[in-house]
């Protein structure tokens, strides 16, 4: 697995999100974002991607 610096990762993510911006954003907004903001956005967009099917947050009714 290739290691990336934050700058390299931000550059690749910026190109990805310019081509296909997240819902509610435009390509120009992505272009104007700082590297830190772009990395934060990507983290929060994919924060729960690796959760198992048994993890909390599944659709349904919960009683606590």
PDB file of N, CA and C in Angstrom:
ATOM      1  N   UNK A   1       0.847  -1.169   0.000  1.00  0.00           N
ATOM      2  CA  UNK A   1       0.000   0.000   0.000  1.00  0.00           C
ATOM      3  C   UNK A   1       0.895   1.237   0.000  1.00  0.00           C
ATOM      4  N   UNK A   2       0.641   2.143  -0.912  1.00  0.00           N
ATOM      5  CA  UNK A   2       1.433   3.364  -1.024  1.00  0.00           C
ATOM      6  C   UNK A   2       1.046   4.344   0.079  1.00  0.00           C
ATOM      7  N   UNK A   3       2.047   4.993   0.662  1.00  0.00           N
ATOM      8  CA  UNK A   3       1.798   6.000   1.688  1.00  0.00           C
ATOM      9  C   UNK A   3       1.700   7.364   1.031  1.00  0.00           C
ATOM     10  N   UNK A   4       0.762   8.165   1.496  1.00  0.00           N
ATOM     11  CA  UNK A   4       0.533   9.498   0.978  1.00  0.00           C
ATOM     12  C   UNK A   4       0.819  10.527   2.059  1.00  0.00           C
ATOM     13  N   UNK A   5       1.302  11.688   1.648  1.00  0.00           N
ATOM     14  CA  UNK A   5       1.339  12.808   2.580  1.00  0.00           C
ATOM     15  C   UNK A   5      -0.055  13.430   2.575  1.00  0.00           C
ATOM     16  N   UNK A   6      -0.351  14.249   3.571  1.00  0.00           N
ATOM     17  CA  UNK A   6      -1.662  14.900   3.601  1.00  0.00           C
ATOM     18  C   UNK A   6      -1.870  15.764   2.365  1.00  0.00           C
ATOM     19  N   UNK A   7      -0.824  16.413   1.900  1.00  0.00           N
ATOM     20  CA  UNK A   7      -0.922  17.273   0.719  1.00  0.00           C
ATOM     21  C   UNK A   7      -1.254  16.452  -0.524  1.00  0.00           C
ATOM     22  N   UNK A   8      -0.596  15.304  -0.680  1.00  0.00           N
ATOM     23  CA  UNK A   8      -0.874  14.439  -1.833  1.00  0.00           C
ATOM     24  C   UNK A   8      -2.295  13.895  -1.779  1.00  0.00           C
ATOM     25  N   UNK A   9      -2.721  13.473  -0.596  1.00  0.00           N
ATOM     26  CA  UNK A   9      -4.069  12.941  -0.438  1.00  0.00           C
ATOM     27  C   UNK A   9      -5.104  14.029  -0.729  1.00  0.00           C
ATOM     28  N   UNK A  10      -4.882  15.225  -0.204  1.00  0.00           N
ATOM     29  CA  UNK A  10      -5.812  16.329  -0.443  1.00  0.00           C
ATOM     30  C   UNK A  10      -5.904  16.647  -1.934  1.00  0.00           C
ATOM     31  N   UNK A  11      -4.777  16.597  -2.637  1.00  0.00           N
ATOM     32  CA  UNK A  11      -4.768  16.868  -4.080  1.00  0.00           C
ATOM     33  C   UNK A  11      -5.620  15.834  -4.830  1.00  0.00           C
ATOM     34  N   UNK A  12      -5.450  14.552  -4.484  1.00  0.00           N
ATOM     35  CA  UNK A  12      -6.238  13.505  -5.143  1.00  0.00           C
ATOM     36  C   UNK A  12      -7.718  13.611  -4.794  1.00  0.00           C
ATOM     37  N   UNK A  13      -8.020  13.873  -3.528  1.00  0.00           N
ATOM     38  CA  UNK A  13      -9.422  14.014  -3.122  1.00  0.00           C
ATOM     39  C   UNK A  13     -10.067  15.213  -3.794  1.00  0.00           C
ATOM     40  N   UNK A  14      -9.312  16.314  -3.910  1.00  0.00           N
ATOM     41  CA  UNK A  14      -9.850  17.513  -4.552  1.00  0.00           C
ATOM     42  C   UNK A  14     -10.258  17.205  -5.995  1.00  0.00           C
ATOM     43  N   UNK A  15      -9.397  16.493  -6.721  1.00  0.00           N
ATOM     44  CA  UNK A  15      -9.723  16.134  -8.111  1.00  0.00           C
ATOM     45  C   UNK A  15     -10.961  15.237  -8.163  1.00  0.00           C
ATOM     46  N   UNK A  16     -11.052  14.291  -7.234  1.00  0.00           N
ATOM     47  CA  UNK A  16     -12.204  13.385  -7.179  1.00  0.00           C
ATOM     48  C   UNK A  16     -13.489  14.167  -6.903  1.00  0.00           C
ATOM     49  N   UNK A  17     -13.438  15.077  -5.915  1.00  0.00           N
ATOM     50  CA  UNK A  17     -14.644  15.806  -5.527  1.00  0.00           C
ATOM     51  C   UNK A  17     -14.993  16.933  -6.489  1.00  0.00           C
ATOM     52  N   UNK A  18     -14.034  17.420  -7.270  1.00  0.00           N
ATOM     53  CA  UNK A  18     -14.348  18.407  -8.306  1.00  0.00           C
ATOM     54  C   UNK A  18     -15.150  17.726  -9.413  1.00  0.00           C
ATOM     55  N   UNK A  19     -14.747  16.500  -9.759  1.00  0.00           N
ATOM     56  CA  UNK A  19     -15.466  15.750 -10.798  1.00  0.00           C
ATOM     57  C   UNK A  19     -16.843  15.307 -10.333  1.00  0.00           C
ATOM     58  N   UNK A  20     -16.960  14.979  -9.043  1.00  0.00           N
ATOM     59  CA  UNK A  20     -18.221  14.487  -8.497  1.00  0.00           C
ATOM     60  C   UNK A  20     -18.400  15.070  -7.096  1.00  0.00           C
ATOM     61  N   UNK A  21     -18.851  16.337  -7.008  1.00  0.00           N
ATOM     62  CA  UNK A  21     -18.972  16.978  -5.688  1.00  0.00           C
ATOM     63  C   UNK A  21     -20.041  16.316  -4.820  1.00  0.00           C
ATOM     64  N   UNK A  22     -19.841  16.359  -3.491  1.00  0.00           N
ATOM     65  CA  UNK A  22     -20.847  15.811  -2.587  1.00  0.00           C
ATOM     66  C   UNK A  22     -22.170  16.566  -2.734  1.00  0.00           C
ATOM     67  N   UNK A  23     -23.241  15.907  -2.371  1.00  0.00           N
ATOM     68  CA  UNK A  23     -24.566  16.507  -2.462  1.00  0.00           C
ATOM     69  C   UNK A  23     -24.599  17.834  -1.704  1.00  0.00           C
ATOM     70  N   UNK A  24     -25.122  18.858  -2.354  1.00  0.00           N
ATOM     71  CA  UNK A  24     -25.241  20.168  -1.732  1.00  0.00           C
ATOM     72  C   UNK A  24     -24.036  21.068  -1.953  1.00  0.00           C
ATOM     73  N   UNK A  25     -23.031  20.576  -2.656  1.00  0.00           N
ATOM     74  CA  UNK A  25     -21.835  21.372  -2.927  1.00  0.00           C
ATOM     75  C   UNK A  25     -21.626  21.487  -4.427  1.00  0.00           C
ATOM     76  N   UNK A  26     -20.844  22.496  -4.810  1.00  0.00           N
ATOM     77  CA  UNK A  26     -20.468  22.659  -6.213  1.00  0.00           C
ATOM     78  C   UNK A  26     -18.977  22.397  -6.358  1.00  0.00           C
ATOM     79  N   UNK A  27     -18.543  22.201  -7.585  1.00  0.00           N
ATOM     80  CA  UNK A  27     -17.125  21.996  -7.856  1.00  0.00           C
ATOM     81  C   UNK A  27     -16.303  23.205  -7.426  1.00  0.00           C
ATOM     82  N   UNK A  28     -16.853  24.414  -7.609  1.00  0.00           N
ATOM     83  CA  UNK A  28     -16.142  25.635  -7.205  1.00  0.00           C
ATOM     84  C   UNK A  28     -15.932  25.685  -5.697  1.00  0.00           C
ATOM     85  N   UNK A  29     -16.913  25.233  -4.921  1.00  0.00           N
ATOM     86  CA  UNK A  29     -16.765  25.211  -3.468  1.00  0.00           C
ATOM     87  C   UNK A  29     -15.662  24.239  -3.045  1.00  0.00           C
ATOM     88  N   UNK A  30     -15.597  23.097  -3.709  1.00  0.00           N
ATOM     89  CA  UNK A  30     -14.548  22.119  -3.420  1.00  0.00           C
ATOM     90  C   UNK A  30     -13.190  22.711  -3.771  1.00  0.00           C
ATOM     91  N   UNK A  31     -13.117  23.402  -4.887  1.00  0.00           N
ATOM     92  CA  UNK A  31     -11.874  24.011  -5.338  1.00  0.00           C
ATOM     93  C   UNK A  31     -11.368  25.052  -4.344  1.00  0.00           C
ATOM     94  N   UNK A  32     -12.275  25.770  -3.706  1.00  0.00           N
ATOM     95  CA  UNK A  32     -11.911  26.838  -2.772  1.00  0.00           C
ATOM     96  C   UNK A  32     -11.609  26.341  -1.355  1.00  0.00           C
ATOM     97  N   UNK A  33     -11.831  25.073  -1.070  1.00  0.00           N
ATOM     98  CA  UNK A  33     -11.612  24.538   0.276  1.00  0.00           C
ATOM     99  C   UNK A  33     -10.116  24.412   0.577  1.00  0.00           C
ATOM    100  N   UNK A  34      -9.766  24.614   1.844  1.00  0.00           N
ATOM    101  CA  UNK A  34      -8.385  24.365   2.263  1.00  0.00           C
ATOM    102  C   UNK A  34      -8.153  22.854   2.296  1.00  0.00           C
ATOM    103  N   UNK A  35      -6.888  22.457   2.293  1.00  0.00           N
ATOM    104  CA  UNK A  35      -6.569  21.025   2.363  1.00  0.00           C
ATOM    105  C   UNK A  35      -7.140  20.402   3.631  1.00  0.00           C
ATOM    106  N   UNK A  36      -7.012  21.107   4.756  1.00  0.00           N
ATOM    107  CA  UNK A  36      -7.532  20.576   6.027  1.00  0.00           C
ATOM    108  C   UNK A  36      -9.043  20.390   5.987  1.00  0.00           C
ATOM    109  N   UNK A  37      -9.758  21.377   5.427  1.00  0.00           N
ATOM    110  CA  UNK A  37     -11.218  21.266   5.327  1.00  0.00           C
ATOM    111  C   UNK A  37     -11.617  20.111   4.410  1.00  0.00           C
ATOM    112  N   UNK A  38     -10.879  19.931   3.337  1.00  0.00           N
ATOM    113  CA  UNK A  38     -11.164  18.853   2.389  1.00  0.00           C
ATOM    114  C   UNK A  38     -10.949  17.486   3.042  1.00  0.00           C
ATOM    115  N   UNK A  39      -9.856  17.331   3.783  1.00  0.00           N
ATOM    116  CA  UNK A  39      -9.587  16.070   4.469  1.00  0.00           C
ATOM    117  C   UNK A  39     -10.638  15.801   5.546  1.00  0.00           C
ATOM    118  N   UNK A  40     -11.048  16.842   6.270  1.00  0.00           N
ATOM    119  CA  UNK A  40     -12.100  16.681   7.285  1.00  0.00           C
ATOM    120  C   UNK A  40     -13.412  16.247   6.640  1.00  0.00           C
ATOM    121  N   UNK A  41     -13.777  16.902   5.526  1.00  0.00           N
ATOM    122  CA  UNK A  41     -15.020  16.555   4.843  1.00  0.00           C
ATOM    123  C   UNK A  41     -14.995  15.092   4.404  1.00  0.00           C
ATOM    124  N   UNK A  42     -13.881  14.666   3.819  1.00  0.00           N
ATOM    125  CA  UNK A  42     -13.781  13.285   3.357  1.00  0.00           C
ATOM    126  C   UNK A  42     -13.886  12.314   4.526  1.00  0.00           C
ATOM    127  N   UNK A  43     -13.258  12.639   5.645  1.00  0.00           N
ATOM    128  CA  UNK A  43     -13.340  11.783   6.822  1.00  0.00           C
ATOM    129  C   UNK A  43     -14.790  11.618   7.270  1.00  0.00           C
ATOM    130  N   UNK A  44     -15.518  12.728   7.385  1.00  0.00           N
ATOM    131  CA  UNK A  44     -16.888  12.658   7.876  1.00  0.00           C
ATOM    132  C   UNK A  44     -17.837  12.035   6.857  1.00  0.00           C
ATOM    133  N   UNK A  45     -17.541  12.156   5.572  1.00  0.00           N
ATOM    134  CA  UNK A  45     -18.377  11.498   4.563  1.00  0.00           C
ATOM    135  C   UNK A  45     -18.221   9.976   4.611  1.00  0.00           C
ATOM    136  N   UNK A  46     -17.058   9.509   5.074  1.00  0.00           N
ATOM    137  CA  UNK A  46     -16.783   8.071   5.069  1.00  0.00           C
ATOM    138  C   UNK A  46     -16.559   7.508   6.470  1.00  0.00           C
ATOM    139  N   UNK A  47     -16.958   8.251   7.480  1.00  0.00           N
ATOM    140  CA  UNK A  47     -16.714   7.875   8.873  1.00  0.00           C
ATOM    141  C   UNK A  47     -17.276   6.500   9.233  1.00  0.00           C
ATOM    142  N   UNK A  48     -18.431   6.145   8.713  1.00  0.00           N
ATOM    143  CA  UNK A  48     -19.091   4.904   9.105  1.00  0.00           C
ATOM    144  C   UNK A  48     -19.061   3.844   8.010  1.00  0.00           C
ATOM    145  N   UNK A  49     -18.236   4.014   6.989  1.00  0.00           N
ATOM    146  CA  UNK A  49     -18.176   3.059   5.887  1.00  0.00           C
ATOM    147  C   UNK A  49     -17.714   1.671   6.310  1.00  0.00           C
ATOM    148  N   UNK A  50     -16.886   1.570   7.342  1.00  0.00           N
ATOM    149  CA  UNK A  50     -16.294   0.285   7.712  1.00  0.00           C
ATOM    150  C   UNK A  50     -17.018  -0.416   8.852  1.00  0.00           C
ATOM    151  N   UNK A  51     -18.183   0.061   9.227  1.00  0.00           N
ATOM    152  CA  UNK A  51     -18.921  -0.572  10.317  1.00  0.00           C
ATOM    153  C   UNK A  51     -19.507  -1.900   9.872  1.00  0.00           C
ATOM    154  N   UNK A  52     -19.540  -2.839  10.792  1.00  0.00           N
ATOM    155  CA  UNK A  52     -20.153  -4.146  10.508  1.00  0.00           C
ATOM    156  C   UNK A  52     -21.667  -4.019  10.507  1.00  0.00           C
ATOM    157  N   UNK A  53     -22.335  -5.023   9.982  1.00  0.00           N
ATOM    158  CA  UNK A  53     -23.802  -5.036   9.945  1.00  0.00           C
ATOM    159  C   UNK A  53     -24.406  -5.055  11.342  1.00  0.00           C
ATOM    160  N   UNK A  54     -23.672  -5.541  12.330  1.00  0.00           N
ATOM    161  CA  UNK A  54     -24.196  -5.641  13.684  1.00  0.00           C
ATOM    162  C   UNK A  54     -23.983  -4.379  14.512  1.00  0.00           C
ATOM    163  N   UNK A  55     -23.362  -3.371  13.945  1.00  0.00           N
ATOM    164  CA  UNK A  55     -23.047  -2.165  14.697  1.00  0.00           C
ATOM    165  C   UNK A  55     -24.262  -1.283  14.917  1.00  0.00           C
ATOM    166  N   UNK A  56     -24.193  -0.500  15.981  1.00  0.00           N
ATOM    167  CA  UNK A  56     -25.241   0.465  16.295  1.00  0.00           C
ATOM    168  C   UNK A  56     -25.417   1.423  15.124  1.00  0.00           C
ATOM    169  N   UNK A  57     -26.623   1.864  14.897  1.00  0.00           N
ATOM    170  CA  UNK A  57     -26.886   2.806  13.825  1.00  0.00           C
ATOM    171  C   UNK A  57     -27.675   2.211  12.680  1.00  0.00           C
ATOM    172  N   UNK A  58     -27.942   0.931  12.753  1.00  0.00           N
ATOM    173  CA  UNK A  58     -28.755   0.304  11.719  1.00  0.00           C
ATOM    174  C   UNK A  58     -30.181   0.834  11.800  1.00  0.00           C
ATOM    175  N   UNK A  59     -30.890   0.742  10.692  1.00  0.00           N
ATOM    176  CA  UNK A  59     -32.277   1.161  10.705  1.00  0.00           C
ATOM    177  C   UNK A  59     -33.062   0.282  11.666  1.00  0.00           C
ATOM    178  N   UNK A  60     -34.002   0.880  12.344  1.00  0.00           N
ATOM    179  CA  UNK A  60     -34.813   0.102  13.255  1.00  0.00           C
ATOM    180  C   UNK A  60     -35.212   0.920  14.470  1.00  0.00           C
ATOM    181  N   UNK A  61     -35.796   0.252  15.410  1.00  0.00           N
ATOM    182  CA  UNK A  61     -36.299   0.909  16.615  1.00  0.00           C
ATOM    183  C   UNK A  61     -35.454   0.465  17.790  1.00  0.00           C
ATOM    184  N   UNK A  62     -34.984   1.434  18.580  1.00  0.00           N
ATOM    185  CA  UNK A  62     -34.126   1.124  19.702  1.00  0.00           C
ATOM    186  C   UNK A  62     -34.754   1.627  20.994  1.00  0.00           C
ATOM    187  N   UNK A  63     -34.650   0.821  22.034  1.00  0.00           N
ATOM    188  CA  UNK A  63     -35.105   1.234  23.369  1.00  0.00           C
ATOM    189  C   UNK A  63     -33.886   1.248  24.260  1.00  0.00           C
ATOM    190  N   UNK A  64     -33.679   2.357  24.929  1.00  0.00           N
ATOM    191  CA  UNK A  64     -32.516   2.486  25.812  1.00  0.00           C
ATOM    192  C   UNK A  64     -32.935   2.568  27.239  1.00  0.00           C
TER     193      UNK A  64
END
